[in-house]
PDB file of N, CA and C in Angstrom:
ATOM      1  N   ASN A   1     -13.460  36.106  25.479  1.00  0.00           N
ATOM      2  CA  ASN A   1     -13.205  36.945  24.315  1.00  0.00           C
ATOM      3  C   ASN A   1     -13.502  36.120  23.065  1.00  0.00           C
ATOM      4  N   THR A   2     -14.399  36.584  22.220  1.00  0.00           N
ATOM      5  CA  THR A   2     -14.814  35.850  21.027  1.00  0.00           C
ATOM      6  C   THR A   2     -13.716  35.798  19.977  1.00  0.00           C
ATOM      7  N   HIS A   3     -12.777  36.747  19.965  1.00  0.00           N
ATOM      8  CA  HIS A   3     -11.703  36.741  18.964  1.00  0.00           C
ATOM      9  C   HIS A   3     -10.771  35.549  19.161  1.00  0.00           C
ATOM     10  N   ASN A   4     -10.607  35.053  20.362  1.00  0.00           N
ATOM     11  CA  ASN A   4      -9.729  33.916  20.622  1.00  0.00           C
ATOM     12  C   ASN A   4     -10.325  32.609  20.100  1.00  0.00           C
ATOM     13  N   LYS A   5     -11.633  32.582  19.862  1.00  0.00           N
ATOM     14  CA  LYS A   5     -12.294  31.358  19.422  1.00  0.00           C
ATOM     15  C   LYS A   5     -12.398  31.252  17.907  1.00  0.00           C
ATOM     16  N   VAL A   6     -11.998  32.261  17.146  1.00  0.00           N
ATOM     17  CA  VAL A   6     -12.059  32.219  15.689  1.00  0.00           C
ATOM     18  C   VAL A   6     -10.980  31.266  15.198  1.00  0.00           C
ATOM     19  N   LYS A   7     -11.380  30.325  14.327  1.00  0.00           N
ATOM     20  CA  LYS A   7     -10.444  29.351  13.784  1.00  0.00           C
ATOM     21  C   LYS A   7     -10.517  29.391  12.264  1.00  0.00           C
ATOM     22  N   PHE A   8      -9.400  29.141  11.664  1.00  0.00           N
ATOM     23  CA  PHE A   8      -9.318  29.021  10.212  1.00  0.00           C
ATOM     24  C   PHE A   8      -8.877  27.591   9.925  1.00  0.00           C
ATOM     25  N   ASP A   9      -9.810  26.795   9.380  1.00  0.00           N
ATOM     26  CA  ASP A   9      -9.552  25.375   9.157  1.00  0.00           C
ATOM     27  C   ASP A   9      -9.004  25.130   7.757  1.00  0.00           C
ATOM     28  N   CYS A  10      -8.033  24.234   7.684  1.00  0.00           N
ATOM     29  CA  CYS A  10      -7.483  23.815   6.401  1.00  0.00           C
ATOM     30  C   CYS A  10      -8.515  22.927   5.715  1.00  0.00           C
ATOM     31  N   ASP A  11      -8.871  23.267   4.475  1.00  0.00           N
ATOM     32  CA  ASP A  11      -9.869  22.480   3.748  1.00  0.00           C
ATOM     33  C   ASP A  11      -9.310  21.165   3.217  1.00  0.00           C
ATOM     34  N   ILE A  12      -7.990  20.962   3.364  1.00  0.00           N
ATOM     35  CA  ILE A  12      -7.369  19.731   2.882  1.00  0.00           C
ATOM     36  C   ILE A  12      -7.239  18.705   4.004  1.00  0.00           C
ATOM     37  N   CYS A  13      -6.713  19.128   5.153  1.00  0.00           N
ATOM     38  CA  CYS A  13      -6.466  18.160   6.226  1.00  0.00           C
ATOM     39  C   CYS A  13      -7.241  18.456   7.513  1.00  0.00           C
ATOM     40  N   GLY A  14      -7.892  19.625   7.601  1.00  0.00           N
ATOM     41  CA  GLY A  14      -8.706  19.930   8.762  1.00  0.00           C
ATOM     42  C   GLY A  14      -7.985  20.589   9.927  1.00  0.00           C
ATOM     43  N   GLU A  15      -6.676  20.790   9.836  1.00  0.00           N
ATOM     44  CA  GLU A  15      -5.968  21.463  10.933  1.00  0.00           C
ATOM     45  C   GLU A  15      -6.487  22.890  11.076  1.00  0.00           C
ATOM     46  N   SER A  16      -6.479  23.403  12.313  1.00  0.00           N
ATOM     47  CA  SER A  16      -7.021  24.735  12.597  1.00  0.00           C
ATOM     48  C   SER A  16      -5.910  25.713  12.948  1.00  0.00           C
ATOM     49  N   TYR A  17      -6.120  26.980  12.550  1.00  0.00           N
ATOM     50  CA  TYR A  17      -5.151  28.042  12.817  1.00  0.00           C
ATOM     51  C   TYR A  17      -5.881  29.282  13.311  1.00  0.00           C
ATOM     52  N   LYS A  18      -5.179  30.075  14.104  1.00  0.00           N
ATOM     53  CA  LYS A  18      -5.762  31.284  14.692  1.00  0.00           C
ATOM     54  C   LYS A  18      -5.863  32.411  13.684  1.00  0.00           C
ATOM     55  N   THR A  19      -4.973  32.394  12.675  1.00  0.00           N
ATOM     56  CA  THR A  19      -4.964  33.490  11.696  1.00  0.00           C
ATOM     57  C   THR A  19      -4.998  32.942  10.277  1.00  0.00           C
ATOM     58  N   VAL A  20      -5.438  33.781   9.349  1.00  0.00           N
ATOM     59  CA  VAL A  20      -5.421  33.413   7.933  1.00  0.00           C
ATOM     60  C   VAL A  20      -3.985  33.189   7.488  1.00  0.00           C
ATOM     61  N   LYS A  21      -3.078  34.021   7.953  1.00  0.00           N
ATOM     62  CA  LYS A  21      -1.654  33.906   7.601  1.00  0.00           C
ATOM     63  C   LYS A  21      -1.109  32.543   8.069  1.00  0.00           C
ATOM     64  N   GLY A  22      -1.486  32.130   9.268  1.00  0.00           N
ATOM     65  CA  GLY A  22      -1.056  30.816   9.770  1.00  0.00           C
ATOM     66  C   GLY A  22      -1.551  29.691   8.888  1.00  0.00           C
ATOM     67  N   LEU A  23      -2.819  29.784   8.457  1.00  0.00           N
ATOM     68  CA  LEU A  23      -3.390  28.782   7.573  1.00  0.00           C
ATOM     69  C   LEU A  23      -2.670  28.780   6.223  1.00  0.00           C
ATOM     70  N   GLU A  24      -2.405  29.976   5.672  1.00  0.00           N
ATOM     71  CA  GLU A  24      -1.707  30.060   4.380  1.00  0.00           C
ATOM     72  C   GLU A  24      -0.306  29.469   4.472  1.00  0.00           C
ATOM     73  N   THR A  25       0.395  29.759   5.555  1.00  0.00           N
ATOM     74  CA  THR A  25       1.742  29.218   5.747  1.00  0.00           C
ATOM     75  C   THR A  25       1.683  27.690   5.854  1.00  0.00           C
ATOM     76  N   HIS A  26       0.712  27.193   6.608  1.00  0.00           N
ATOM     77  CA  HIS A  26       0.514  25.750   6.735  1.00  0.00           C
ATOM     78  C   HIS A  26       0.306  25.104   5.369  1.00  0.00           C
ATOM     79  N   LYS A  27      -0.604  25.647   4.573  1.00  0.00           N
ATOM     80  CA  LYS A  27      -0.894  25.073   3.254  1.00  0.00           C
ATOM     81  C   LYS A  27       0.342  25.075   2.366  1.00  0.00           C
ATOM     82  N   LYS A  28       1.088  26.183   2.414  1.00  0.00           N
ATOM     83  CA  LYS A  28       2.293  26.281   1.589  1.00  0.00           C
ATOM     84  C   LYS A  28       3.327  25.242   2.015  1.00  0.00           C
ATOM     85  N   ASN A  29       3.484  25.068   3.330  1.00  0.00           N
ATOM     86  CA  ASN A  29       4.512  24.155   3.831  1.00  0.00           C
ATOM     87  C   ASN A  29       4.096  22.687   3.813  1.00  0.00           C
ATOM     88  N   LYS A  30       2.842  22.415   4.063  1.00  0.00           N
ATOM     89  CA  LYS A  30       2.400  21.029   4.200  1.00  0.00           C
ATOM     90  C   LYS A  30       1.752  20.434   2.958  1.00  0.00           C
ATOM     91  N   HIS A  31       1.167  21.258   2.124  1.00  0.00           N
ATOM     92  CA  HIS A  31       0.391  20.718   1.019  1.00  0.00           C
ATOM     93  C   HIS A  31       0.941  21.072  -0.362  1.00  0.00           C
ATOM     94  N   THR A  32       2.145  21.606  -0.416  1.00  0.00           N
ATOM     95  CA  THR A  32       2.804  21.839  -1.698  1.00  0.00           C
ATOM     96  C   THR A  32       4.287  21.531  -1.530  1.00  0.00           C
ATOM     97  N   GLU A  33       4.921  21.035  -2.593  1.00  0.00           N
ATOM     98  CA  GLU A  33       6.360  20.769  -2.521  1.00  0.00           C
ATOM     99  C   GLU A  33       7.140  22.072  -2.637  1.00  0.00           C
ATOM    100  N   ASN A  34       6.698  22.954  -3.507  1.00  0.00           N
ATOM    101  CA  ASN A  34       7.316  24.280  -3.623  1.00  0.00           C
ATOM    102  C   ASN A  34       6.335  25.215  -4.328  1.00  0.00           C
ATOM    103  N   ARG A  35       6.657  26.474  -4.438  1.00  0.00           N
ATOM    104  CA  ARG A  35       5.701  27.457  -5.004  1.00  0.00           C
ATOM    105  C   ARG A  35       5.312  27.158  -6.444  1.00  0.00           C
ATOM    106  N   ARG A  36       6.231  26.565  -7.211  1.00  0.00           N
ATOM    107  CA  ARG A  36       5.910  26.267  -8.605  1.00  0.00           C
ATOM    108  C   ARG A  36       4.842  25.193  -8.736  1.00  0.00           C
ATOM    109  N   THR A  37       4.636  24.394  -7.685  1.00  0.00           N
ATOM    110  CA  THR A  37       3.661  23.307  -7.765  1.00  0.00           C
ATOM    111  C   THR A  37       2.344  23.643  -7.079  1.00  0.00           C
ATOM    112  N   GLU A  38       2.167  24.885  -6.612  1.00  0.00           N
ATOM    113  CA  GLU A  38       0.962  25.242  -5.865  1.00  0.00           C
ATOM    114  C   GLU A  38      -0.327  25.033  -6.655  1.00  0.00           C
ATOM    115  N   ASN A  39      -0.264  25.170  -7.979  1.00  0.00           N
ATOM    116  CA  ASN A  39      -1.479  25.057  -8.784  1.00  0.00           C
ATOM    117  C   ASN A  39      -1.745  23.627  -9.270  1.00  0.00           C
ATOM    118  N   LYS A  40      -0.874  22.671  -8.932  1.00  0.00           N
ATOM    119  CA  LYS A  40      -1.067  21.296  -9.363  1.00  0.00           C
ATOM    120  C   LYS A  40      -2.118  20.606  -8.503  1.00  0.00           C
ATOM    121  N   ALA A  41      -2.680  19.557  -9.056  1.00  0.00           N
ATOM    122  CA  ALA A  41      -3.696  18.795  -8.328  1.00  0.00           C
ATOM    123  C   ALA A  41      -3.078  18.131  -7.107  1.00  0.00           C
ATOM    124  N   HIS A  42      -3.858  17.938  -6.088  1.00  0.00           N
ATOM    125  CA  HIS A  42      -3.405  17.287  -4.872  1.00  0.00           C
ATOM    126  C   HIS A  42      -3.872  15.836  -4.885  1.00  0.00           C
ATOM    127  N   ILE A  43      -2.995  14.928  -4.438  1.00  0.00           N
ATOM    128  CA  ILE A  43      -3.309  13.508  -4.400  1.00  0.00           C
ATOM    129  C   ILE A  43      -3.249  13.054  -2.944  1.00  0.00           C
ATOM    130  N   ASN A  44      -4.344  12.490  -2.462  1.00  0.00           N
ATOM    131  CA  ASN A  44      -4.393  12.032  -1.072  1.00  0.00           C
ATOM    132  C   ASN A  44      -3.919  10.588  -0.962  1.00  0.00           C
ATOM    133  N   CYS A  45      -3.200  10.291   0.107  1.00  0.00           N
ATOM    134  CA  CYS A  45      -2.840   8.916   0.431  1.00  0.00           C
ATOM    135  C   CYS A  45      -4.132   8.195   0.814  1.00  0.00           C
ATOM    136  N   PRO A  46      -4.428   7.056   0.200  1.00  0.00           N
ATOM    137  CA  PRO A  46      -5.676   6.350   0.509  1.00  0.00           C
ATOM    138  C   PRO A  46      -5.685   5.705   1.903  1.00  0.00           C
ATOM    139  N   ILE A  47      -4.519   5.642   2.545  1.00  0.00           N
ATOM    140  CA  ILE A  47      -4.446   5.010   3.861  1.00  0.00           C
ATOM    141  C   ILE A  47      -4.535   6.036   4.986  1.00  0.00           C
ATOM    142  N   CYS A  48      -3.722   7.099   4.908  1.00  0.00           N
ATOM    143  CA  CYS A  48      -3.684   8.057   6.021  1.00  0.00           C
ATOM    144  C   CYS A  48      -4.175   9.454   5.644  1.00  0.00           C
ATOM    145  N   CYS A  49      -4.521   9.662   4.385  1.00  0.00           N
ATOM    146  CA  CYS A  49      -5.077  10.912   3.867  1.00  0.00           C
ATOM    147  C   CYS A  49      -4.087  12.074   3.815  1.00  0.00           C
ATOM    148  N   LYS A  50      -2.788  11.813   3.988  1.00  0.00           N
ATOM    149  CA  LYS A  50      -1.823  12.893   3.779  1.00  0.00           C
ATOM    150  C   LYS A  50      -1.891  13.293   2.315  1.00  0.00           C
ATOM    151  N   VAL A  51      -1.556  14.545   2.036  1.00  0.00           N
ATOM    152  CA  VAL A  51      -1.735  15.077   0.686  1.00  0.00           C
ATOM    153  C   VAL A  51      -0.387  15.259   0.000  1.00  0.00           C
ATOM    154  N   TYR A  52      -0.323  14.861  -1.269  1.00  0.00           N
ATOM    155  CA  TYR A  52       0.892  14.984  -2.070  1.00  0.00           C
ATOM    156  C   TYR A  52       0.551  15.643  -3.388  1.00  0.00           C
ATOM    157  N   VAL A  53       1.533  16.323  -3.966  1.00  0.00           N
ATOM    158  CA  VAL A  53       1.268  17.094  -5.176  1.00  0.00           C
ATOM    159  C   VAL A  53       1.519  16.313  -6.466  1.00  0.00           C
ATOM    160  N   ASN A  54       2.120  15.122  -6.355  1.00  0.00           N
ATOM    161  CA  ASN A  54       2.309  14.319  -7.556  1.00  0.00           C
ATOM    162  C   ASN A  54       2.396  12.838  -7.188  1.00  0.00           C
ATOM    163  N   LYS A  55       2.291  11.988  -8.194  1.00  0.00           N
ATOM    164  CA  LYS A  55       2.265  10.546  -7.962  1.00  0.00           C
ATOM    165  C   LYS A  55       3.581  10.032  -7.400  1.00  0.00           C
ATOM    166  N   LEU A  56       4.699  10.609  -7.829  1.00  0.00           N
ATOM    167  CA  LEU A  56       5.997  10.170  -7.331  1.00  0.00           C
ATOM    168  C   LEU A  56       6.116  10.406  -5.824  1.00  0.00           C
ATOM    169  N   ALA A  57       5.685  11.577  -5.375  1.00  0.00           N
ATOM    170  CA  ALA A  57       5.731  11.881  -3.943  1.00  0.00           C
ATOM    171  C   ALA A  57       4.831  10.913  -3.167  1.00  0.00           C
ATOM    172  N   LEU A  58       3.661  10.609  -3.708  1.00  0.00           N
ATOM    173  CA  LEU A  58       2.760   9.661  -3.064  1.00  0.00           C
ATOM    174  C   LEU A  58       3.378   8.264  -3.028  1.00  0.00           C
ATOM    175  N   GLN A  59       4.001   7.835  -4.135  1.00  0.00           N
ATOM    176  CA  GLN A  59       4.642   6.516  -4.170  1.00  0.00           C
ATOM    177  C   GLN A  59       5.754   6.418  -3.137  1.00  0.00           C
ATOM    178  N   ARG A  60       6.565   7.457  -3.017  1.00  0.00           N
ATOM    179  CA  ARG A  60       7.640   7.460  -2.011  1.00  0.00           C
ATOM    180  C   ARG A  60       7.051   7.342  -0.608  1.00  0.00           C
ATOM    181  N   HIS A  61       5.982   8.076  -0.349  1.00  0.00           N
ATOM    182  CA  HIS A  61       5.304   8.017   0.942  1.00  0.00           C
ATOM    183  C   HIS A  61       4.750   6.617   1.198  1.00  0.00           C
ATOM    184  N   MET A  62       4.069   6.042   0.212  1.00  0.00           N
ATOM    185  CA  MET A  62       3.460   4.725   0.378  1.00  0.00           C
ATOM    186  C   MET A  62       4.523   3.672   0.690  1.00  0.00           C
ATOM    187  N   THR A  63       5.674   3.764   0.020  1.00  0.00           N
ATOM    188  CA  THR A  63       6.753   2.819   0.254  1.00  0.00           C
ATOM    189  C   THR A  63       7.361   3.007   1.647  1.00  0.00           C
ATOM    190  N   ALA A  64       7.644   4.245   2.014  1.00  0.00           N
ATOM    191  CA  ALA A  64       8.306   4.518   3.294  1.00  0.00           C
ATOM    192  C   ALA A  64       7.370   4.360   4.488  1.00  0.00           C
ATOM    193  N   ALA A  65       6.195   4.930   4.415  1.00  0.00           N
ATOM    194  CA  ALA A  65       5.299   4.950   5.575  1.00  0.00           C
ATOM    195  C   ALA A  65       4.449   3.691   5.710  1.00  0.00           C
ATOM    196  N   HIS A  66       4.035   3.123   4.579  1.00  0.00           N
ATOM    197  CA  HIS A  66       3.094   2.009   4.639  1.00  0.00           C
ATOM    198  C   HIS A  66       3.654   0.716   4.049  1.00  0.00           C
ATOM    199  N   LYS A  67       4.896   0.757   3.588  1.00  0.00           N
ATOM    200  CA  LYS A  67       5.571  -0.426   3.022  1.00  0.00           C
ATOM    201  C   LYS A  67       4.822  -1.009   1.821  1.00  0.00           C
ATOM    202  N   ILE A  68       4.156  -0.134   1.073  1.00  0.00           N
ATOM    203  CA  ILE A  68       3.430  -0.544  -0.131  1.00  0.00           C
ATOM    204  C   ILE A  68       4.365  -0.349  -1.322  1.00  0.00           C
ATOM    205  N   ILE A  69       4.547  -1.397  -2.137  1.00  0.00           N
ATOM    206  CA  ILE A  69       5.508  -1.274  -3.227  1.00  0.00           C
ATOM    207  C   ILE A  69       4.908  -1.409  -4.621  1.00  0.00           C
ATOM    208  N   ASN A  70       3.768  -2.103  -4.777  1.00  0.00           N
ATOM    209  CA  ASN A  70       3.174  -2.336  -6.099  1.00  0.00           C
ATOM    210  C   ASN A  70       4.222  -2.813  -7.102  1.00  0.00           C
ATOM    211  N   LYS A  71       4.835  -3.949  -6.794  1.00  0.00           N
ATOM    212  CA  LYS A  71       5.899  -4.498  -7.633  1.00  0.00           C
ATOM    213  C   LYS A  71       5.362  -5.629  -8.496  1.00  0.00           C
ATOM    214  N   GLN A  72       5.535  -5.481  -9.821  1.00  0.00           N
ATOM    215  CA  GLN A  72       5.064  -6.518 -10.741  1.00  0.00           C
ATOM    216  C   GLN A  72       6.062  -7.670 -10.744  1.00  0.00           C
ATOM    217  N   CYS A  73       5.531  -8.884 -10.830  1.00  0.00           N
ATOM    218  CA  CYS A  73       6.362 -10.075 -10.863  1.00  0.00           C
ATOM    219  C   CYS A  73       7.273 -10.049 -12.089  1.00  0.00           C
ATOM    220  N   ASP A  74       8.533 -10.449 -11.902  1.00  0.00           N
ATOM    221  CA  ASP A  74       9.496 -10.487 -13.009  1.00  0.00           C
ATOM    222  C   ASP A  74       9.244 -11.648 -13.959  1.00  0.00           C
ATOM    223  N   TYR A  75       8.440 -12.617 -13.529  1.00  0.00           N
ATOM    224  CA  TYR A  75       8.226 -13.817 -14.327  1.00  0.00           C
ATOM    225  C   TYR A  75       6.847 -13.921 -14.963  1.00  0.00           C
ATOM    226  N   CYS A  76       5.831 -13.367 -14.328  1.00  0.00           N
ATOM    227  CA  CYS A  76       4.489 -13.411 -14.907  1.00  0.00           C
ATOM    228  C   CYS A  76       3.872 -12.009 -14.855  1.00  0.00           C
ATOM    229  N   THR A  77       3.026 -11.722 -15.808  1.00  0.00           N
ATOM    230  CA  THR A  77       2.501 -10.362 -15.932  1.00  0.00           C
ATOM    231  C   THR A  77       1.222 -10.113 -15.154  1.00  0.00           C
ATOM    232  N   ASP A  78       0.641 -11.154 -14.583  1.00  0.00           N
ATOM    233  CA  ASP A  78      -0.655 -10.966 -13.933  1.00  0.00           C
ATOM    234  C   ASP A  78      -0.578 -10.799 -12.416  1.00  0.00           C
ATOM    235  N   PHE A  79       0.624 -10.703 -11.844  1.00  0.00           N
ATOM    236  CA  PHE A  79       0.743 -10.559 -10.393  1.00  0.00           C
ATOM    237  C   PHE A  79       1.482  -9.271 -10.034  1.00  0.00           C
ATOM    238  N   VAL A  80       0.874  -8.478  -9.152  1.00  0.00           N
ATOM    239  CA  VAL A  80       1.507  -7.274  -8.623  1.00  0.00           C
ATOM    240  C   VAL A  80       1.434  -7.343  -7.103  1.00  0.00           C
ATOM    241  N   ALA A  81       2.608  -7.331  -6.469  1.00  0.00           N
ATOM    242  CA  ALA A  81       2.679  -7.439  -5.009  1.00  0.00           C
ATOM    243  C   ALA A  81       2.504  -6.075  -4.366  1.00  0.00           C
ATOM    244  N   LYS A  82       1.822  -6.062  -3.228  1.00  0.00           N
ATOM    245  CA  LYS A  82       1.642  -4.821  -2.468  1.00  0.00           C
ATOM    246  C   LYS A  82       2.761  -4.611  -1.448  1.00  0.00           C
ATOM    247  N   SER A  83       3.521  -5.655  -1.148  1.00  0.00           N
ATOM    248  CA  SER A  83       4.631  -5.533  -0.192  1.00  0.00           C
ATOM    249  C   SER A  83       5.770  -6.436  -0.638  1.00  0.00           C
ATOM    250  N   GLN A  84       6.963  -6.188  -0.103  1.00  0.00           N
ATOM    251  CA  GLN A  84       8.110  -7.020  -0.441  1.00  0.00           C
ATOM    252  C   GLN A  84       7.885  -8.453   0.029  1.00  0.00           C
ATOM    253  N   GLU A  85       7.252  -8.604   1.200  1.00  0.00           N
ATOM    254  CA  GLU A  85       6.975  -9.934   1.724  1.00  0.00           C
ATOM    255  C   GLU A  85       6.043 -10.708   0.792  1.00  0.00           C
ATOM    256  N   GLU A  86       5.011 -10.036   0.296  1.00  0.00           N
ATOM    257  CA  GLU A  86       4.075 -10.681  -0.622  1.00  0.00           C
ATOM    258  C   GLU A  86       4.785 -11.081  -1.915  1.00  0.00           C
ATOM    259  N   TYR A  87       5.671 -10.211  -2.411  1.00  0.00           N
ATOM    260  CA  TYR A  87       6.442 -10.500  -3.626  1.00  0.00           C
ATOM    261  C   TYR A  87       7.343 -11.718  -3.409  1.00  0.00           C
ATOM    262  N   ASP A  88       8.089 -11.727  -2.295  1.00  0.00           N
ATOM    263  CA  ASP A  88       9.000 -12.840  -1.999  1.00  0.00           C
ATOM    264  C   ASP A  88       8.239 -14.156  -1.890  1.00  0.00           C
ATOM    265  N   PHE A  89       7.089 -14.139  -1.205  1.00  0.00           N
ATOM    266  CA  PHE A  89       6.272 -15.341  -1.060  1.00  0.00           C
ATOM    267  C   PHE A  89       5.816 -15.847  -2.433  1.00  0.00           C
ATOM    268  N   HIS A  90       5.363 -14.931  -3.288  1.00  0.00           N
ATOM    269  CA  HIS A  90       4.907 -15.302  -4.634  1.00  0.00           C
ATOM    270  C   HIS A  90       6.047 -15.966  -5.418  1.00  0.00           C
ATOM    271  N   ILE A  91       7.229 -15.373  -5.387  1.00  0.00           N
ATOM    272  CA  ILE A  91       8.386 -15.913  -6.115  1.00  0.00           C
ATOM    273  C   ILE A  91       8.714 -17.312  -5.601  1.00  0.00           C
ATOM    274  N   LEU A  92       8.757 -17.479  -4.283  1.00  0.00           N
ATOM    275  CA  LEU A  92       9.054 -18.797  -3.719  1.00  0.00           C
ATOM    276  C   LEU A  92       7.993 -19.832  -4.094  1.00  0.00           C
ATOM    277  N   LYS A  93       6.733 -19.432  -4.029  1.00  0.00           N
ATOM    278  CA  LYS A  93       5.643 -20.376  -4.276  1.00  0.00           C
ATOM    279  C   LYS A  93       5.526 -20.788  -5.741  1.00  0.00           C
ATOM    280  N   TYR A  94       5.672 -19.801  -6.644  1.00  0.00           N
ATOM    281  CA  TYR A  94       5.371 -20.080  -8.052  1.00  0.00           C
ATOM    282  C   TYR A  94       6.573 -20.141  -8.990  1.00  0.00           C
ATOM    283  N   HIS A  95       7.700 -19.597  -8.612  1.00  0.00           N
ATOM    284  CA  HIS A  95       8.787 -19.462  -9.581  1.00  0.00           C
ATOM    285  C   HIS A  95      10.136 -20.011  -9.134  1.00  0.00           C
ATOM    286  N   SER A  96      10.226 -20.692  -8.014  1.00  0.00           N
ATOM    287  CA  SER A  96      11.527 -21.204  -7.612  1.00  0.00           C
ATOM    288  C   SER A  96      11.525 -22.721  -7.638  1.00  0.00           C
ATOM    289  N   GLN A  97      12.653 -23.272  -8.031  1.00  0.00           N
ATOM    290  CA  GLN A  97      12.828 -24.720  -8.052  1.00  0.00           C
ATOM    291  C   GLN A  97      13.252 -25.165  -6.662  1.00  0.00           C
ATOM    292  N   PRO A  98      12.846 -26.344  -6.256  1.00  0.00           N
ATOM    293  CA  PRO A  98      13.307 -26.828  -4.952  1.00  0.00           C
ATOM    294  C   PRO A  98      14.829 -26.939  -4.945  1.00  0.00           C
ATOM    295  N   GLN A  99      15.432 -26.498  -3.877  1.00  0.00           N
ATOM    296  CA  GLN A  99      16.884 -26.516  -3.765  1.00  0.00           C
ATOM    297  C   GLN A  99      17.330 -27.852  -3.165  1.00  0.00           C
ATOM    298  N   THR A 100      18.321 -28.469  -3.798  1.00  0.00           N
ATOM    299  CA  THR A 100      18.862 -29.716  -3.281  1.00  0.00           C
ATOM    300  C   THR A 100      20.023 -29.379  -2.358  1.00  0.00           C
ATOM    301  N   SER A 101      20.012 -29.937  -1.157  1.00  0.00           N
ATOM    302  CA  SER A 101      21.059 -29.628  -0.193  1.00  0.00           C
ATOM    303  C   SER A 101      22.358 -30.335  -0.566  1.00  0.00           C
ATOM    304  N   LYS A 102      23.479 -29.833  -0.047  1.00  0.00           N
ATOM    305  CA  LYS A 102      24.775 -30.459  -0.292  1.00  0.00           C
ATOM    306  C   LYS A 102      24.799 -31.874   0.265  1.00  0.00           C
ATOM    307  N   THR A 103      24.148 -32.071   1.399  1.00  0.00           N
ATOM    308  CA  THR A 103      24.100 -33.405   2.007  1.00  0.00           C
ATOM    309  C   THR A 103      23.396 -34.393   1.080  1.00  0.00           C
ATOM    310  N   ALA A 104      22.281 -33.948   0.487  1.00  0.00           N
ATOM    311  CA  ALA A 104      21.543 -34.826  -0.431  1.00  0.00           C
ATOM    312  C   ALA A 104      22.385 -35.145  -1.656  1.00  0.00           C
ATOM    313  N   ILE A 105      23.123 -34.171  -2.153  1.00  0.00           N
ATOM    314  CA  ILE A 105      23.982 -34.393  -3.325  1.00  0.00           C
ATOM    315  C   ILE A 105      25.097 -35.376  -2.971  1.00  0.00           C
ATOM    316  N   ASN A 106      25.726 -35.173  -1.803  1.00  0.00           N
ATOM    317  CA  ASN A 106      26.789 -36.087  -1.373  1.00  0.00           C
ATOM    318  C   ASN A 106      26.265 -37.506  -1.214  1.00  0.00           C
ATOM    319  N   ASP A 107      25.077 -37.667  -0.638  1.00  0.00           N
ATOM    320  CA  ASP A 107      24.475 -38.996  -0.483  1.00  0.00           C
ATOM    321  C   ASP A 107      24.248 -39.646  -1.843  1.00  0.00           C
ATOM    322  N   LEU A 108      23.778 -38.861  -2.803  1.00  0.00           N
ATOM    323  CA  LEU A 108      23.531 -39.384  -4.143  1.00  0.00           C
ATOM    324  C   LEU A 108      24.838 -39.823  -4.798  1.00  0.00           C
ATOM    325  N   ILE A 109      25.887 -39.046  -4.632  1.00  0.00           N
ATOM    326  CA  ILE A 109      27.197 -39.402  -5.191  1.00  0.00           C
ATOM    327  C   ILE A 109      27.693 -40.704  -4.567  1.00  0.00           C
ATOM    328  N   MET A 110      27.574 -40.821  -3.241  1.00  0.00           N
ATOM    329  CA  MET A 110      28.027 -42.030  -2.556  1.00  0.00           C
ATOM    330  C   MET A 110      27.244 -43.255  -3.026  1.00  0.00           C
ATOM    331  N   GLU A 111      25.938 -43.126  -3.197  1.00  0.00           N
ATOM    332  CA  GLU A 111      25.125 -44.238  -3.691  1.00  0.00           C
ATOM    333  C   GLU A 111      25.591 -44.649  -5.087  1.00  0.00           C
ATOM    334  N   THR A 112      25.874 -43.664  -5.922  1.00  0.00           N
ATOM    335  CA  THR A 112      26.318 -43.933  -7.289  1.00  0.00           C
ATOM    336  C   THR A 112      27.665 -44.642  -7.282  1.00  0.00           C
ATOM    337  N   VAL A 113      28.579 -44.180  -6.427  1.00  0.00           N
ATOM    338  CA  VAL A 113      29.902 -44.811  -6.326  1.00  0.00           C
ATOM    339  C   VAL A 113      29.761 -46.248  -5.855  1.00  0.00           C
ATOM    340  N   GLU A 114      28.917 -46.482  -4.848  1.00  0.00           N
ATOM    341  CA  GLU A 114      28.695 -47.844  -4.344  1.00  0.00           C
ATOM    342  C   GLU A 114      28.106 -48.738  -5.432  1.00  0.00           C
ATOM    343  N   GLU A 115      27.158 -48.212  -6.200  1.00  0.00           N
ATOM    344  CA  GLU A 115      26.562 -48.991  -7.283  1.00  0.00           C
ATOM    345  C   GLU A 115      27.601 -49.325  -8.347  1.00  0.00           C
ATOM    346  N   LEU A 116      28.478 -48.379  -8.650  1.00  0.00           N
ATOM    347  CA  LEU A 116      29.540 -48.634  -9.632  1.00  0.00           C
ATOM    348  C   LEU A 116      30.505 -49.698  -9.120  1.00  0.00           C
ATOM    349  N   ASP A 117      30.863 -49.586  -7.828  1.00  0.00           N
ATOM    350  CA  ASP A 117      31.762 -50.591  -7.235  1.00  0.00           C
ATOM    351  C   ASP A 117      31.147 -51.980  -7.331  1.00  0.00           C
ATOM    352  N   GLU A 118      29.835 -52.093  -7.027  1.00  0.00           N
ATOM    353  CA  GLU A 118      29.150 -53.377  -7.106  1.00  0.00           C
ATOM    354  C   GLU A 118      29.117 -53.887  -8.537  1.00  0.00           C
ATOM    355  N   ALA A 119      28.898 -52.994  -9.483  1.00  0.00           N
ATOM    356  CA  ALA A 119      28.849 -53.397 -10.893  1.00  0.00           C
ATOM    357  C   ALA A 119      30.207 -53.882 -11.345  1.00  0.00           C
ATOM    358  N   ILE A 120      31.278 -53.237 -10.898  1.00  0.00           N
ATOM    359  CA  ILE A 120      32.636 -53.677 -11.277  1.00  0.00           C
ATOM    360  C   ILE A 120      32.926 -55.041 -10.668  1.00  0.00           C
ATOM    361  N   GLU A 121      32.528 -55.226  -9.401  1.00  0.00           N
ATOM    362  CA  GLU A 121      32.752 -56.534  -8.757  1.00  0.00           C
ATOM    363  C   GLU A 121      31.995 -57.636  -9.475  1.00  0.00           C
ATOM    364  N   ASP A 122      30.763 -57.348  -9.900  1.00  0.00           N
ATOM    365  CA  ASP A 122      29.972 -58.354 -10.616  1.00  0.00           C
ATOM    366  C   ASP A 122      30.624 -58.708 -11.930  1.00  0.00           C
ATOM    367  N   ASP A 123      31.189 -57.727 -12.648  1.00  0.00           N
ATOM    368  CA  ASP A 123      31.857 -57.983 -13.942  1.00  0.00           C
ATOM    369  C   ASP A 123      33.108 -58.825 -13.751  1.00  0.00           C
ATOM    370  N   GLU A 124      33.800 -58.613 -12.630  1.00  0.00           N
ATOM    371  CA  GLU A 124      35.049 -59.340 -12.399  1.00  0.00           C
ATOM    372  C   GLU A 124      34.794 -60.791 -12.008  1.00  0.00           C
ATOM    373  N   GLN A 125      33.625 -61.113 -11.587  1.00  0.00           N
ATOM    374  CA  GLN A 125      33.322 -62.514 -11.168  1.00  0.00           C
ATOM    375  C   GLN A 125      32.939 -63.334 -12.319  1.00  0.00           C
TER     376      GLN A 125
END
């Protein structure tokens, strides 16, 4: 039967439907946030090609689905990280001071105390 082979393809994502009504319902549910936004431009995800009706929706998708954050460095204006890991690495590499351990601090204090004790003994002689 040739009627069973008729398909109505979505021009946005390529999904196929048996009826025009099915295609219209799909577009309304999948490619618009609500009826008031039906006439707005559609923005495709550059990674998976899902369609969003505004930049905020795309940003939320990119963060949740692809872990993309586009976070500008808090210390320099020329670096924007694409992931939290990239941001953390940048901060550690370029903007953090080496941390001194408690053991190293205690050793330094002990050396200082010993040097003071020696200096006092030398003065008393």
